[in-house]
Amino acid sequence: MTRPASSVHMDQNPLLAIALMSSAMLIVPVMDIIAKYLSADLPPLEVTFGRFFFQFLICLVLAAVTGRVTGLRGHHPLINYLRGIFLAAASLCFFTAVKFMSVATAISIFFVEPMVLTILAALILKEQVGIRRIAAILVGLAGAIIILRPNLAEIGLVSLLPVATAFLFSFYLLLNRLYPVTDGLLTIQFSAGLSGSLLLGAALLAANVAGFEDMTFVMPSGGQTGFLALIGLISFAAHGLVVAAFQRGSASLLAPLQYIEIVSATLFGYLVFSDFPDGPTWLGIALIVGSGLYITYRERKVKSAAAG
């Protein structure tokens, strides 16, 4: 769940852009693996709060060290905070999902996001979607159904949380289309950390007051606190790598590299939890990845035709 949120462009360097994007996709699942590990003892709501709270602290410290505290407000703070709310809600859904299912499976289902974004852009932004992209959407959704079927039977509706994550993240991306980002990376990350911390902190407080057992705050140990801080650091670093990549390479070049995340999630999930996707899951992944790549290709063709 890491996409660029910066409109600043530098000299194009495709090889460096590929290296930066690939590095980001390799480390993002580490954050999800840690979240799954922590969720055995801590509520996912608390884990998600820790992720945004420590991201907020990291940004605040960096701003103080570099003398950029006054710039943290940004040009459009309300929009920036709304972006953070969408990200916080999406992260909560995803971290809750990985408590009950493998990280690789959850990420694979989440990658229906390009299909969801295409549908929402057509409905909300009135973007034209041709029959080819509609067919690709149906193929991708078929792949998601193949992955979801056994999970629905085993763990119930919680297996739909990666789909909810995809919808929330798509709204975040739609917001970026409606209000292009004009602030720097540090400001965007600070705004997301602050708004996410406030939203999730309030939810955590309300859950404790209401006595919701699965959301009750648990005092983390020193080691668990360190892991929560590490999640915040990985989130900050991965987002920075993605932004740096998109500043140096085109979206059409870099978008397909996001699927490296499935490979790294499978590897780390197997090494840590002995989780490995079965045959039908791999078939579903192939359909989702194939449809996502085709949608990216068609969007590039449409934009090229419009520009020409």
Protein backbone atom coordinates (compact mmCIF):
# COMPACT_ATOMS: atom_id res chain seq x y z
CA MET A 1 0.00 0.00 0.00
CA THR A 2 2.64 2.44 -0.99
CA ARG A 3 2.19 4.86 -3.87
CA PRO A 4 3.79 8.20 -4.78
CA ALA A 5 2.44 11.37 -3.23
CA SER A 6 4.75 13.97 -4.71
CA SER A 7 4.62 16.06 -7.85
CA VAL A 8 8.32 16.97 -7.85
CA HIS A 9 10.27 15.50 -10.77
CA MET A 10 14.02 15.09 -11.17
CA ASP A 11 16.22 14.07 -14.07
CA GLN A 12 15.03 10.75 -15.47
CA ASN A 13 17.17 7.76 -14.52
CA PRO A 14 15.23 4.56 -15.35
CA LEU A 15 17.77 2.12 -13.88
CA LEU A 16 17.93 3.98 -10.57
CA ALA A 17 14.14 4.28 -10.55
CA ILE A 18 13.78 0.52 -11.00
CA ALA A 19 16.29 -0.14 -8.20
CA LEU A 20 14.49 2.23 -5.83
CA MET A 21 11.03 0.83 -6.61
CA SER A 22 12.22 -2.78 -6.33
CA SER A 23 13.85 -2.05 -2.97
CA ALA A 24 10.61 -0.55 -1.67
CA MET A 25 8.56 -3.55 -2.78
CA LEU A 26 11.01 -5.91 -1.12
CA ILE A 27 10.79 -4.23 2.30
CA VAL A 28 7.08 -3.32 2.46
CA PRO A 29 6.01 -6.92 3.27
CA VAL A 30 8.46 -6.92 6.19
CA MET A 31 6.17 -4.36 7.81
CA ASP A 32 3.18 -6.65 7.26
CA ILE A 33 5.08 -9.67 8.59
CA ILE A 34 5.93 -7.76 11.78
CA ALA A 35 2.31 -6.65 12.10
CA LYS A 36 1.15 -10.27 11.81
CA TYR A 37 3.71 -11.33 14.44
CA LEU A 38 2.64 -8.59 16.86
CA SER A 39 -1.08 -9.26 16.33
CA ALA A 40 -0.69 -12.57 18.16
CA ASP A 41 -0.41 -10.55 21.39
CA LEU A 42 -1.55 -7.01 20.53
CA PRO A 43 -4.86 -5.91 18.95
CA PRO A 44 -4.50 -4.97 15.26
CA LEU A 45 -5.95 -1.56 16.11
CA GLU A 46 -3.08 -0.96 18.53
CA VAL A 47 -0.51 -2.22 16.03
CA THR A 48 -1.89 0.12 13.36
CA PHE A 49 -1.87 3.03 15.80
CA GLY A 50 1.77 2.29 16.59
CA ARG A 51 2.65 2.32 12.89
CA PHE A 52 1.25 5.84 12.39
CA PHE A 53 2.35 7.21 15.76
CA PHE A 54 5.98 6.27 15.21
CA GLN A 55 5.83 7.56 11.62
CA PHE A 56 4.60 10.85 13.09
CA LEU A 57 7.46 10.92 15.61
CA ILE A 58 10.08 10.15 12.94
CA CYS A 59 8.82 13.00 10.76
CA LEU A 60 8.69 15.40 13.70
CA VAL A 61 12.27 14.59 14.73
CA LEU A 62 13.55 14.93 11.15
CA ALA A 63 11.75 18.25 10.75
CA ALA A 64 13.23 19.53 14.00
CA VAL A 65 16.76 18.44 13.04
CA THR A 66 16.51 19.98 9.55
CA GLY A 67 14.73 23.15 10.68
CA ARG A 68 11.59 22.44 8.67
CA VAL A 69 8.98 22.32 11.44
CA THR A 70 7.15 25.41 10.13
CA GLY A 71 6.71 23.72 6.74
CA LEU A 72 4.91 20.69 8.15
CA ARG A 73 1.50 22.35 7.89
CA GLY A 74 1.65 22.26 4.09
CA HIS A 75 -0.34 24.15 1.48
CA HIS A 76 -3.53 22.10 1.83
CA PRO A 77 -3.51 20.62 5.36
CA LEU A 78 -7.13 19.42 5.36
CA ILE A 79 -6.61 17.45 2.15
CA ASN A 80 -3.36 16.03 3.51
CA TYR A 81 -5.11 14.95 6.71
CA LEU A 82 -7.92 13.36 4.70
CA ARG A 83 -5.28 11.39 2.78
CA GLY A 84 -3.93 10.19 6.12
CA ILE A 85 -7.38 9.11 7.29
CA PHE A 86 -7.87 6.96 4.19
CA LEU A 87 -4.41 5.42 4.67
CA ALA A 88 -5.05 4.76 8.37
CA ALA A 89 -8.37 3.04 7.68
CA ALA A 90 -6.81 0.98 4.89
CA SER A 91 -3.88 -0.05 7.11
CA LEU A 92 -6.24 -1.07 9.91
CA CYS A 93 -8.21 -3.32 7.56
CA PHE A 94 -5.03 -4.89 6.22
CA PHE A 95 -3.32 -5.43 9.58
CA THR A 96 -6.52 -7.02 10.87
CA ALA A 97 -6.62 -9.30 7.82
CA VAL A 98 -3.04 -10.57 8.26
CA LYS A 99 -3.86 -11.60 11.83
CA PHE A 100 -6.09 -14.31 10.35
CA MET A 101 -4.57 -15.06 6.92
CA SER A 102 -1.16 -15.24 5.33
CA VAL A 103 0.48 -11.98 4.29
CA ALA A 104 0.99 -13.22 0.71
CA THR A 105 -2.71 -14.09 0.36
CA ALA A 106 -3.83 -10.76 1.81
CA ILE A 107 -1.49 -8.80 -0.48
CA SER A 108 -2.62 -10.81 -3.50
CA ILE A 109 -6.26 -10.01 -2.81
CA PHE A 110 -5.39 -6.36 -2.17
CA PHE A 111 -3.99 -6.13 -5.69
CA VAL A 112 -7.53 -5.95 -7.08
CA GLU A 113 -6.92 -2.25 -6.31
CA PRO A 114 -6.15 -1.25 -9.95
CA MET A 115 -9.48 -2.77 -10.96
CA VAL A 116 -11.32 -1.03 -8.13
CA LEU A 117 -9.63 2.28 -8.98
CA THR A 118 -10.64 1.96 -12.63
CA ILE A 119 -14.27 1.34 -11.65
CA LEU A 120 -14.36 4.22 -9.15
CA ALA A 121 -12.68 6.59 -11.60
CA ALA A 122 -15.37 5.77 -14.16
CA LEU A 123 -18.20 6.26 -11.64
CA ILE A 124 -16.87 9.30 -9.78
CA LEU A 125 -14.54 11.06 -12.21
CA LYS A 126 -16.51 9.98 -15.31
CA GLU A 127 -13.38 8.59 -16.95
CA GLN A 128 -14.00 6.52 -20.07
CA VAL A 129 -13.38 2.78 -19.66
CA GLY A 130 -13.36 0.65 -22.79
CA ILE A 131 -14.45 -2.94 -23.23
CA ARG A 132 -10.85 -4.20 -22.97
CA ARG A 133 -10.32 -2.75 -19.52
CA ILE A 134 -13.74 -3.99 -18.43
CA ALA A 135 -12.70 -7.49 -19.53
CA ALA A 136 -9.43 -7.15 -17.59
CA ILE A 137 -11.38 -6.08 -14.50
CA LEU A 138 -13.59 -9.16 -14.73
CA VAL A 139 -10.53 -11.42 -15.08
CA GLY A 140 -8.90 -9.82 -12.04
CA LEU A 141 -12.05 -10.16 -9.98
CA ALA A 142 -12.29 -13.82 -11.00
CA GLY A 143 -8.76 -14.28 -9.66
CA ALA A 144 -9.78 -12.66 -6.39
CA ILE A 145 -12.78 -14.98 -6.08
CA ILE A 146 -10.52 -18.01 -6.61
CA ILE A 147 -8.29 -16.86 -3.74
CA LEU A 148 -11.18 -15.81 -1.51
CA ARG A 149 -13.34 -18.95 -1.72
CA PRO A 150 -11.41 -21.20 0.70
CA ASN A 151 -10.63 -18.27 2.99
CA LEU A 152 -14.30 -17.32 3.24
CA ALA A 153 -15.09 -20.87 4.28
CA GLU A 154 -12.25 -21.03 6.83
CA ILE A 155 -12.20 -17.57 8.45
CA GLY A 156 -15.42 -15.94 7.28
CA LEU A 157 -16.00 -12.33 6.27
CA VAL A 158 -12.64 -11.18 7.69
CA SER A 159 -11.12 -12.54 4.46
CA LEU A 160 -12.83 -9.64 2.66
CA LEU A 161 -10.77 -7.07 4.56
CA PRO A 162 -8.04 -6.91 1.85
CA VAL A 163 -10.82 -5.98 -0.58
CA ALA A 164 -11.91 -3.23 1.81
CA THR A 165 -8.27 -2.14 1.93
CA ALA A 166 -8.23 -1.92 -1.87
CA PHE A 167 -11.36 0.27 -1.87
CA LEU A 168 -10.01 2.63 0.80
CA PHE A 169 -6.66 2.91 -0.94
CA SER A 170 -8.41 3.59 -4.24
CA PHE A 171 -10.24 6.51 -2.63
CA TYR A 172 -6.86 7.77 -1.42
CA LEU A 173 -5.55 7.64 -5.01
CA LEU A 174 -8.70 9.32 -6.34
CA LEU A 175 -8.10 12.11 -3.85
CA ASN A 176 -4.60 12.50 -5.28
CA ARG A 177 -6.10 12.84 -8.77
CA LEU A 178 -8.61 15.46 -7.64
CA TYR A 179 -6.05 17.39 -5.57
CA PRO A 180 -2.53 16.87 -6.95
CA VAL A 181 0.10 16.88 -4.22
CA THR A 182 2.09 20.09 -3.95
CA ASP A 183 3.79 19.49 -0.60
CA GLY A 184 7.07 17.72 0.05
CA LEU A 185 7.49 14.13 1.19
CA LEU A 186 8.16 15.03 4.83
CA THR A 187 5.00 17.16 5.04
CA ILE A 188 2.85 14.44 3.48
CA GLN A 189 4.25 11.74 5.77
CA PHE A 190 3.86 13.98 8.83
CA SER A 191 0.24 14.74 7.95
CA ALA A 192 -0.52 11.05 7.45
CA GLY A 193 1.18 10.14 10.72
CA LEU A 194 -0.62 12.84 12.68
CA SER A 195 -4.11 12.26 11.27
CA GLY A 196 -3.69 8.49 11.46
CA SER A 197 -2.53 8.69 15.07
CA LEU A 198 -5.46 10.91 16.06
CA LEU A 199 -8.05 8.74 14.29
CA LEU A 200 -6.71 5.40 15.51
CA GLY A 201 -5.88 6.74 18.97
CA ALA A 202 -9.47 7.94 19.37
CA ALA A 203 -10.76 4.57 18.14
CA LEU A 204 -8.48 2.75 20.57
CA LEU A 205 -9.66 4.94 23.46
CA ALA A 206 -13.31 4.44 22.51
CA ALA A 207 -12.83 0.68 22.25
CA ASN A 208 -11.31 0.58 25.73
CA VAL A 209 -14.10 2.67 27.23
CA ALA A 210 -16.69 0.45 25.53
CA GLY A 211 -14.89 -2.67 26.70
CA PHE A 212 -14.42 -4.30 23.28
CA GLU A 213 -12.26 -7.28 24.19
CA ASP A 214 -10.45 -7.66 20.87
CA MET A 215 -9.55 -3.95 20.82
CA THR A 216 -8.54 -3.39 24.43
CA PHE A 217 -5.16 -1.70 24.79
CA VAL A 218 -2.35 -4.02 25.88
CA MET A 219 0.80 -2.47 27.31
CA PRO A 220 3.54 -3.54 24.87
CA SER A 221 6.83 -4.89 26.11
CA GLY A 222 10.11 -3.22 25.25
CA GLY A 223 10.64 -5.59 22.34
CA GLN A 224 7.11 -5.08 21.02
CA THR A 225 7.54 -1.30 21.23
CA GLY A 226 10.73 -1.66 19.21
CA PHE A 227 8.87 -3.62 16.55
CA LEU A 228 6.12 -0.98 16.43
CA ALA A 229 8.78 1.68 15.92
CA LEU A 230 10.33 -0.47 13.19
CA ILE A 231 6.99 -0.66 11.37
CA GLY A 232 6.79 3.13 11.41
CA LEU A 233 10.36 3.40 10.14
CA ILE A 234 9.78 0.88 7.32
CA SER A 235 6.63 2.73 6.27
CA PHE A 236 8.51 6.02 6.18
CA ALA A 237 11.48 4.56 4.28
CA ALA A 238 9.39 2.58 1.77
CA HIS A 239 7.24 5.58 0.92
CA GLY A 240 10.36 7.67 0.45
CA LEU A 241 11.83 5.08 -1.90
CA VAL A 242 8.64 4.94 -3.98
CA VAL A 243 8.43 8.72 -4.26
CA ALA A 244 12.12 8.89 -5.26
CA ALA A 245 11.52 6.18 -7.86
CA PHE A 246 8.55 7.96 -9.45
CA GLN A 247 10.54 11.20 -9.56
CA ARG A 248 13.11 9.44 -11.75
CA GLY A 249 11.01 7.03 -13.81
CA SER A 250 7.63 6.90 -15.52
CA ALA A 251 4.56 5.29 -13.99
CA SER A 252 4.32 2.84 -16.90
CA LEU A 253 7.87 1.68 -16.16
CA LEU A 254 7.44 1.34 -12.41
CA ALA A 255 3.83 0.21 -11.90
CA PRO A 256 4.49 -3.44 -12.87
CA LEU A 257 7.24 -3.63 -10.24
CA GLN A 258 4.68 -3.35 -7.46
CA TYR A 259 3.96 -7.06 -7.93
CA ILE A 260 7.41 -7.85 -6.54
CA GLU A 261 5.61 -7.33 -3.24
CA ILE A 262 3.78 -10.63 -3.71
CA VAL A 263 7.08 -12.47 -4.21
CA SER A 264 8.75 -10.94 -1.16
CA ALA A 265 5.62 -11.47 0.96
CA THR A 266 5.57 -15.14 -0.05
CA LEU A 267 9.25 -15.54 0.79
CA PHE A 268 9.11 -13.82 4.17
CA GLY A 269 5.80 -15.47 5.06
CA TYR A 270 7.31 -18.88 4.37
CA LEU A 271 10.49 -18.15 6.33
CA VAL A 272 8.69 -16.75 9.39
CA PHE A 273 5.32 -18.52 9.49
CA SER A 274 5.79 -21.44 7.04
CA ASP A 275 2.92 -20.03 4.97
CA PHE A 276 2.99 -20.82 1.25
CA PRO A 277 0.20 -20.27 -1.31
CA ASP A 278 -1.38 -23.40 -2.79
CA GLY A 279 -2.04 -24.08 -6.47
CA PRO A 280 -5.47 -22.37 -6.77
CA THR A 281 -4.10 -19.31 -4.95
CA TRP A 282 -1.25 -19.04 -7.45
CA LEU A 283 -3.80 -19.25 -10.27
CA GLY A 284 -5.78 -16.41 -8.69
CA ILE A 285 -2.58 -14.39 -8.25
CA ALA A 286 -1.70 -14.90 -11.92
CA LEU A 287 -5.13 -13.64 -13.02
CA ILE A 288 -4.95 -10.59 -10.74
CA VAL A 289 -1.40 -9.69 -11.77
CA GLY A 290 -2.14 -10.24 -15.46
CA SER A 291 -5.25 -8.07 -15.38
CA GLY A 292 -3.47 -5.37 -13.39
CA LEU A 293 -0.61 -5.26 -15.89
CA TYR A 294 -3.05 -5.07 -18.79
CA ILE A 295 -4.98 -2.22 -17.19
CA THR A 296 -1.70 -0.34 -16.72
CA TYR A 297 -0.82 -0.98 -20.36
CA ARG A 298 -4.20 0.21 -21.62
CA GLU A 299 -4.07 3.37 -19.47
CA ARG A 300 -0.66 4.16 -20.91
CA LYS A 301 -1.97 3.63 -24.47
CA VAL A 302 -5.01 5.83 -23.86
CA LYS A 303 -2.91 8.62 -22.36
CA SER A 304 -0.39 8.40 -25.22
CA ALA A 305 -3.20 8.61 -27.78
CA ALA A 306 -4.71 11.61 -25.98
CA ALA A 307 -1.32 13.34 -25.78
CA GLY A 308 -0.69 12.68 -29.48
